[in-house]
Amino acid sequence: MSKSSAAANGQALWAKQPKANAELFALTYGALVMEVVGDADGNVKEINEQLENIGYSIGIRCVDEFLAKSDVAVCKSFEETSNVLGKTAFKMFLGANCDVHQHSAKSFSLIMHENPLTVFVELPDEYKETLQYTIVYCGVIRGALEMLNYKVDCTLVKSTLKGDDVDEIKVDLKSVMQDGAGDDYHEE
């Protein structure tokens, strides 16, 4: 699927999706982050891990909805998958446009010029350098791609909350997992 057709598909899917108020969405996520901060007693490493795990749980579930509603063809490469993720899936679920920058056949970055999760957010000084407020995206990406048999590392590279001009998420392919039940399952 080409970048332009992936973007057009994403726009069409966004138009069909039931919408929630963007401000309510951003504020609800902010409340969730504050709850995690309170539960972790300010331990930033634990906060980041919890947010990433929440995203992972979302990702393993939303891939089914995406595949059911999007009617995209099977991607033949990781590069094609990155375009569908950035141009179609992000648009479908968030209404957000992502630029996809290919580093190699096994690595890409998603670049967001507008991030719906950070609309009303300003990090306190004690969290500005260490809290990865939008790491939930990394978890969603990791969970969704794992359901498609891609084992990936996902990293927040840039954040507008830390003074960068864009939000950038880097995805590196670690391995392609085998399809099927594997050697542990044998029918008797």
C-alpha atoms as a PDB file:
ATOM      1  CA  MET A   1       0.000   0.000   0.000  1.00  0.00           C
ATOM      2  CA  SER A   2       1.460   3.363  -0.996  1.00  0.00           C
ATOM      3  CA  LYS A   3       1.764   6.240   1.455  1.00  0.00           C
ATOM      4  CA  SER A   4      -0.931   8.249  -0.326  1.00  0.00           C
ATOM      5  CA  SER A   5      -3.439   5.380  -0.407  1.00  0.00           C
ATOM      6  CA  ALA A   6      -2.670   4.580   3.251  1.00  0.00           C
ATOM      7  CA  ALA A   7      -3.351   8.222   4.137  1.00  0.00           C
ATOM      8  CA  ALA A   8      -6.594   8.253   2.111  1.00  0.00           C
ATOM      9  CA  ASN A   9      -7.663   4.993   3.759  1.00  0.00           C
ATOM     10  CA  GLY A  10      -6.899   6.488   7.174  1.00  0.00           C
ATOM     11  CA  GLN A  11      -8.978   9.577   6.385  1.00  0.00           C
ATOM     12  CA  ALA A  12     -11.923   7.422   5.238  1.00  0.00           C
ATOM     13  CA  LEU A  13     -11.711   5.262   8.376  1.00  0.00           C
ATOM     14  CA  TRP A  14     -11.500   8.347  10.619  1.00  0.00           C
ATOM     15  CA  ALA A  15     -14.695   9.664   9.012  1.00  0.00           C
ATOM     16  CA  LYS A  16     -16.520   6.381   9.851  1.00  0.00           C
ATOM     17  CA  GLN A  17     -15.288   6.083  13.455  1.00  0.00           C
ATOM     18  CA  PRO A  18     -17.546   7.199  16.303  1.00  0.00           C
ATOM     19  CA  LYS A  19     -15.908  10.306  17.781  1.00  0.00           C
ATOM     20  CA  ALA A  20     -15.199  11.232  21.359  1.00  0.00           C
ATOM     21  CA  ASN A  21     -14.539  14.818  22.307  1.00  0.00           C
ATOM     22  CA  ALA A  22     -10.776  15.428  21.819  1.00  0.00           C
ATOM     23  CA  GLU A  23     -10.522  17.579  24.948  1.00  0.00           C
ATOM     24  CA  LEU A  24     -12.269  14.925  27.038  1.00  0.00           C
ATOM     25  CA  PHE A  25      -9.897  12.291  25.629  1.00  0.00           C
ATOM     26  CA  ALA A  26      -6.817  14.374  26.480  1.00  0.00           C
ATOM     27  CA  LEU A  27      -8.092  15.230  29.958  1.00  0.00           C
ATOM     28  CA  THR A  28      -9.036  11.612  30.687  1.00  0.00           C
ATOM     29  CA  TYR A  29      -5.545  10.466  29.715  1.00  0.00           C
ATOM     30  CA  GLY A  30      -4.089  13.221  31.903  1.00  0.00           C
ATOM     31  CA  ALA A  31      -6.176  11.973  34.831  1.00  0.00           C
ATOM     32  CA  LEU A  32      -4.928   8.431  34.184  1.00  0.00           C
ATOM     33  CA  VAL A  33      -1.318   9.645  34.202  1.00  0.00           C
ATOM     34  CA  MET A  34      -1.916  11.509  37.474  1.00  0.00           C
ATOM     35  CA  GLU A  35      -3.388   8.340  39.011  1.00  0.00           C
ATOM     36  CA  VAL A  36      -0.328   6.336  37.933  1.00  0.00           C
ATOM     37  CA  VAL A  37       1.968   9.060  39.326  1.00  0.00           C
ATOM     38  CA  GLY A  38       0.119   8.868  42.661  1.00  0.00           C
ATOM     39  CA  ASP A  39       0.207   5.075  42.756  1.00  0.00           C
ATOM     40  CA  ALA A  40       3.944   4.990  42.011  1.00  0.00           C
ATOM     41  CA  ASP A  41       4.767   7.616  44.651  1.00  0.00           C
ATOM     42  CA  GLY A  42       6.651   9.662  42.067  1.00  0.00           C
ATOM     43  CA  ASN A  43       8.957   6.808  40.964  1.00  0.00           C
ATOM     44  CA  VAL A  44       9.366   7.918  37.342  1.00  0.00           C
ATOM     45  CA  LYS A  45      10.796   4.616  36.117  1.00  0.00           C
ATOM     46  CA  GLU A  46       7.746   2.783  37.464  1.00  0.00           C
ATOM     47  CA  ILE A  47       5.384   5.425  36.022  1.00  0.00           C
ATOM     48  CA  ASN A  48       6.907   5.065  32.555  1.00  0.00           C
ATOM     49  CA  GLU A  49       6.712   1.248  32.764  1.00  0.00           C
ATOM     50  CA  GLN A  50       3.057   1.359  33.878  1.00  0.00           C
ATOM     51  CA  LEU A  51       2.066   3.737  31.056  1.00  0.00           C
ATOM     52  CA  GLU A  52       3.887   1.597  28.492  1.00  0.00           C
ATOM     53  CA  ASN A  53       2.155  -1.545  29.830  1.00  0.00           C
ATOM     54  CA  ILE A  54      -1.238   0.166  29.619  1.00  0.00           C
ATOM     55  CA  GLY A  55      -0.469   0.985  25.994  1.00  0.00           C
ATOM     56  CA  TYR A  56       0.639  -2.588  25.312  1.00  0.00           C
ATOM     57  CA  SER A  57      -2.712  -3.901  26.601  1.00  0.00           C
ATOM     58  CA  ILE A  58      -4.529  -1.441  24.356  1.00  0.00           C
ATOM     59  CA  GLY A  59      -2.391  -2.369  21.336  1.00  0.00           C
ATOM     60  CA  ILE A  60      -3.021  -6.105  21.532  1.00  0.00           C
ATOM     61  CA  ARG A  61      -6.750  -5.407  21.516  1.00  0.00           C
ATOM     62  CA  CYS A  62      -7.065  -2.580  19.008  1.00  0.00           C
ATOM     63  CA  VAL A  63      -5.242  -4.465  16.242  1.00  0.00           C
ATOM     64  CA  ASP A  64      -8.311  -6.711  15.890  1.00  0.00           C
ATOM     65  CA  GLU A  65     -10.598  -3.704  15.493  1.00  0.00           C
ATOM     66  CA  PHE A  66      -8.228  -2.134  13.000  1.00  0.00           C
ATOM     67  CA  LEU A  67      -8.017  -5.274  10.865  1.00  0.00           C
ATOM     68  CA  ALA A  68     -11.786  -5.790  10.994  1.00  0.00           C
ATOM     69  CA  LYS A  69     -12.650  -2.228   9.980  1.00  0.00           C
ATOM     70  CA  SER A  70      -9.797  -1.159   7.732  1.00  0.00           C
ATOM     71  CA  ASP A  71      -9.918  -3.790   5.000  1.00  0.00           C
ATOM     72  CA  VAL A  72      -6.198  -3.267   4.314  1.00  0.00           C
ATOM     73  CA  ALA A  73      -4.349  -5.833   2.274  1.00  0.00           C
ATOM     74  CA  VAL A  74      -1.692  -7.982   3.893  1.00  0.00           C
ATOM     75  CA  CYS A  75       1.513  -5.976   4.190  1.00  0.00           C
ATOM     76  CA  LYS A  76       4.407  -7.592   2.390  1.00  0.00           C
ATOM     77  CA  SER A  77       7.190  -5.835   4.291  1.00  0.00           C
ATOM     78  CA  PHE A  78       7.951  -4.078   7.546  1.00  0.00           C
ATOM     79  CA  GLU A  79       8.237  -0.827   5.573  1.00  0.00           C
ATOM     80  CA  GLU A  80       4.709  -1.259   4.234  1.00  0.00           C
ATOM     81  CA  THR A  81       3.510  -2.054   7.756  1.00  0.00           C
ATOM     82  CA  SER A  82       5.088   1.182   9.016  1.00  0.00           C
ATOM     83  CA  ASN A  83       3.175   3.202   6.421  1.00  0.00           C
ATOM     84  CA  VAL A  84      -0.134   1.560   7.317  1.00  0.00           C
ATOM     85  CA  LEU A  85       0.570   2.147  11.016  1.00  0.00           C
ATOM     86  CA  GLY A  86       1.510   5.798  10.628  1.00  0.00           C
ATOM     87  CA  LYS A  87      -0.860   6.865   7.864  1.00  0.00           C
ATOM     88  CA  THR A  88      -3.907   4.671   8.480  1.00  0.00           C
ATOM     89  CA  ALA A  89      -4.013   3.374  12.071  1.00  0.00           C
ATOM     90  CA  PHE A  90      -2.994   6.616  13.800  1.00  0.00           C
ATOM     91  CA  LYS A  91      -5.521   8.509  11.697  1.00  0.00           C
ATOM     92  CA  MET A  92      -8.268   5.939  12.330  1.00  0.00           C
ATOM     93  CA  PHE A  93      -7.929   5.886  16.114  1.00  0.00           C
ATOM     94  CA  LEU A  94      -6.608   9.358  16.956  1.00  0.00           C
ATOM     95  CA  GLY A  95      -7.376  11.539  13.985  1.00  0.00           C
ATOM     96  CA  ALA A  96      -3.651  12.296  14.005  1.00  0.00           C
ATOM     97  CA  ASN A  97      -1.478  12.545  10.919  1.00  0.00           C
ATOM     98  CA  CYS A  98       1.959  10.959  11.199  1.00  0.00           C
ATOM     99  CA  ASP A  99       4.881  11.313   8.857  1.00  0.00           C
ATOM    100  CA  VAL A 100       6.775   8.047   8.436  1.00  0.00           C
ATOM    101  CA  HIS A 101      10.550   8.325   8.145  1.00  0.00           C
ATOM    102  CA  GLN A 102      12.286   5.092   7.113  1.00  0.00           C
ATOM    103  CA  HIS A 103      15.747   4.619   8.666  1.00  0.00           C
ATOM    104  CA  SER A 104      16.246   1.173   7.136  1.00  0.00           C
ATOM    105  CA  ALA A 105      14.226  -1.907   6.209  1.00  0.00           C
ATOM    106  CA  LYS A 106      14.052  -2.698   9.950  1.00  0.00           C
ATOM    107  CA  SER A 107      13.660   0.751  11.486  1.00  0.00           C
ATOM    108  CA  PHE A 108      11.345   3.741  11.121  1.00  0.00           C
ATOM    109  CA  SER A 109      10.128   6.795  12.985  1.00  0.00           C
ATOM    110  CA  LEU A 110       6.622   8.161  13.304  1.00  0.00           C
ATOM    111  CA  ILE A 111       6.634  11.940  13.480  1.00  0.00           C
ATOM    112  CA  MET A 112       3.602  13.725  14.905  1.00  0.00           C
ATOM    113  CA  HIS A 113       3.297  17.469  14.395  1.00  0.00           C
ATOM    114  CA  GLU A 114       0.138  17.563  16.513  1.00  0.00           C
ATOM    115  CA  ASN A 115      -0.272  15.173  19.424  1.00  0.00           C
ATOM    116  CA  PRO A 116      -3.839  14.782  20.748  1.00  0.00           C
ATOM    117  CA  LEU A 117      -2.617  13.547  24.146  1.00  0.00           C
ATOM    118  CA  THR A 118      -0.591  16.654  24.953  1.00  0.00           C
ATOM    119  CA  VAL A 119      -3.140  19.377  24.178  1.00  0.00           C
ATOM    120  CA  PHE A 120      -3.455  20.761  27.728  1.00  0.00           C
ATOM    121  CA  VAL A 121      -0.260  19.372  29.226  1.00  0.00           C
ATOM    122  CA  GLU A 122       2.681  21.099  30.809  1.00  0.00           C
ATOM    123  CA  LEU A 123       4.985  18.866  32.796  1.00  0.00           C
ATOM    124  CA  PRO A 124       6.152  19.999  36.244  1.00  0.00           C
ATOM    125  CA  ASP A 125       9.889  20.695  36.445  1.00  0.00           C
ATOM    126  CA  GLU A 126      10.600  17.551  38.496  1.00  0.00           C
ATOM    127  CA  TYR A 127       9.173  15.387  35.694  1.00  0.00           C
ATOM    128  CA  LYS A 128      10.152  17.399  32.615  1.00  0.00           C
ATOM    129  CA  GLU A 129      13.304  15.437  31.752  1.00  0.00           C
ATOM    130  CA  THR A 130      12.351  11.946  32.927  1.00  0.00           C
ATOM    131  CA  LEU A 131       8.593  11.367  32.597  1.00  0.00           C
ATOM    132  CA  GLN A 132       7.666   9.965  29.194  1.00  0.00           C
ATOM    133  CA  TYR A 133       4.105  11.235  29.156  1.00  0.00           C
ATOM    134  CA  THR A 134       3.182   9.726  25.783  1.00  0.00           C
ATOM    135  CA  ILE A 135       5.025   6.415  26.169  1.00  0.00           C
ATOM    136  CA  VAL A 136       1.576   4.838  26.008  1.00  0.00           C
ATOM    137  CA  TYR A 137       1.987   5.129  22.208  1.00  0.00           C
ATOM    138  CA  CYS A 138       5.088   2.916  22.383  1.00  0.00           C
ATOM    139  CA  GLY A 139       3.110   0.284  24.237  1.00  0.00           C
ATOM    140  CA  VAL A 140       0.236   0.438  21.758  1.00  0.00           C
ATOM    141  CA  ILE A 141       2.632   0.072  18.823  1.00  0.00           C
ATOM    142  CA  ARG A 142       4.568  -2.753  20.484  1.00  0.00           C
ATOM    143  CA  GLY A 143       1.366  -4.635  21.385  1.00  0.00           C
ATOM    144  CA  ALA A 144      -0.256  -4.204  17.977  1.00  0.00           C
ATOM    145  CA  LEU A 145       2.851  -5.201  16.043  1.00  0.00           C
ATOM    146  CA  GLU A 146       3.396  -8.206  18.312  1.00  0.00           C
ATOM    147  CA  MET A 147      -0.088  -9.427  17.356  1.00  0.00           C
ATOM    148  CA  LEU A 148       1.130  -9.219  13.744  1.00  0.00           C
ATOM    149  CA  ASN A 149       4.223 -11.303  14.643  1.00  0.00           C
ATOM    150  CA  TYR A 150       6.699  -8.410  14.794  1.00  0.00           C
ATOM    151  CA  LYS A 151       8.821  -8.141  17.927  1.00  0.00           C
ATOM    152  CA  VAL A 152       9.886  -4.473  18.168  1.00  0.00           C
ATOM    153  CA  ASP A 153      11.627  -1.963  20.396  1.00  0.00           C
ATOM    154  CA  CYS A 154       9.813   1.338  20.550  1.00  0.00           C
ATOM    155  CA  THR A 155      11.376   4.549  21.874  1.00  0.00           C
ATOM    156  CA  LEU A 156      10.225   8.117  22.351  1.00  0.00           C
ATOM    157  CA  VAL A 157      12.944  10.173  20.658  1.00  0.00           C
ATOM    158  CA  LYS A 158      11.423  13.663  20.754  1.00  0.00           C
ATOM    159  CA  SER A 159       8.599  15.262  22.684  1.00  0.00           C
ATOM    160  CA  THR A 160       6.978  18.666  22.383  1.00  0.00           C
ATOM    161  CA  LEU A 161       6.551  18.527  26.169  1.00  0.00           C
ATOM    162  CA  LYS A 162      10.342  18.639  26.469  1.00  0.00           C
ATOM    163  CA  GLY A 163      10.788  21.517  24.044  1.00  0.00           C
ATOM    164  CA  ASP A 164      11.155  19.625  20.750  1.00  0.00           C
ATOM    165  CA  ASP A 165       9.257  20.863  17.699  1.00  0.00           C
ATOM    166  CA  VAL A 166       7.605  17.450  17.049  1.00  0.00           C
ATOM    167  CA  ASP A 167       6.873  14.161  18.775  1.00  0.00           C
ATOM    168  CA  GLU A 168       8.943  11.308  17.339  1.00  0.00           C
ATOM    169  CA  ILE A 169       8.541   7.619  18.059  1.00  0.00           C
ATOM    170  CA  LYS A 170      11.279   5.299  16.776  1.00  0.00           C
ATOM    171  CA  VAL A 171      10.432   1.663  16.072  1.00  0.00           C
ATOM    172  CA  ASP A 172      13.149  -0.957  15.563  1.00  0.00           C
ATOM    173  CA  LEU A 173      12.341  -4.483  14.406  1.00  0.00           C
ATOM    174  CA  LYS A 174      14.000  -7.077  16.654  1.00  0.00           C
ATOM    175  CA  SER A 175      12.577 -10.206  15.040  1.00  0.00           C
ATOM    176  CA  VAL A 176       9.723 -11.673  13.077  1.00  0.00           C
ATOM    177  CA  MET A 177       8.019 -14.317  15.173  1.00  0.00           C
ATOM    178  CA  GLN A 178       6.940 -17.655  13.752  1.00  0.00           C
ATOM    179  CA  ASP A 179       3.301 -18.066  12.892  1.00  0.00           C
ATOM    180  CA  GLY A 180       1.277 -20.941  14.290  1.00  0.00           C
ATOM    181  CA  ALA A 181       1.138 -22.986  17.466  1.00  0.00           C
ATOM    182  CA  GLY A 182       4.806 -23.955  17.489  1.00  0.00           C
ATOM    183  CA  ASP A 183       6.520 -27.061  18.816  1.00  0.00           C
ATOM    184  CA  ASP A 184       4.843 -26.974  22.234  1.00  0.00           C
ATOM    185  CA  TYR A 185       1.479 -27.948  20.798  1.00  0.00           C
ATOM    186  CA  HIS A 186       0.981 -31.332  19.220  1.00  0.00           C
ATOM    187  CA  GLU A 187      -2.382 -32.848  18.518  1.00  0.00           C
ATOM    188  CA  GLU A 188      -2.697 -36.372  19.896  1.00  0.00           C
END
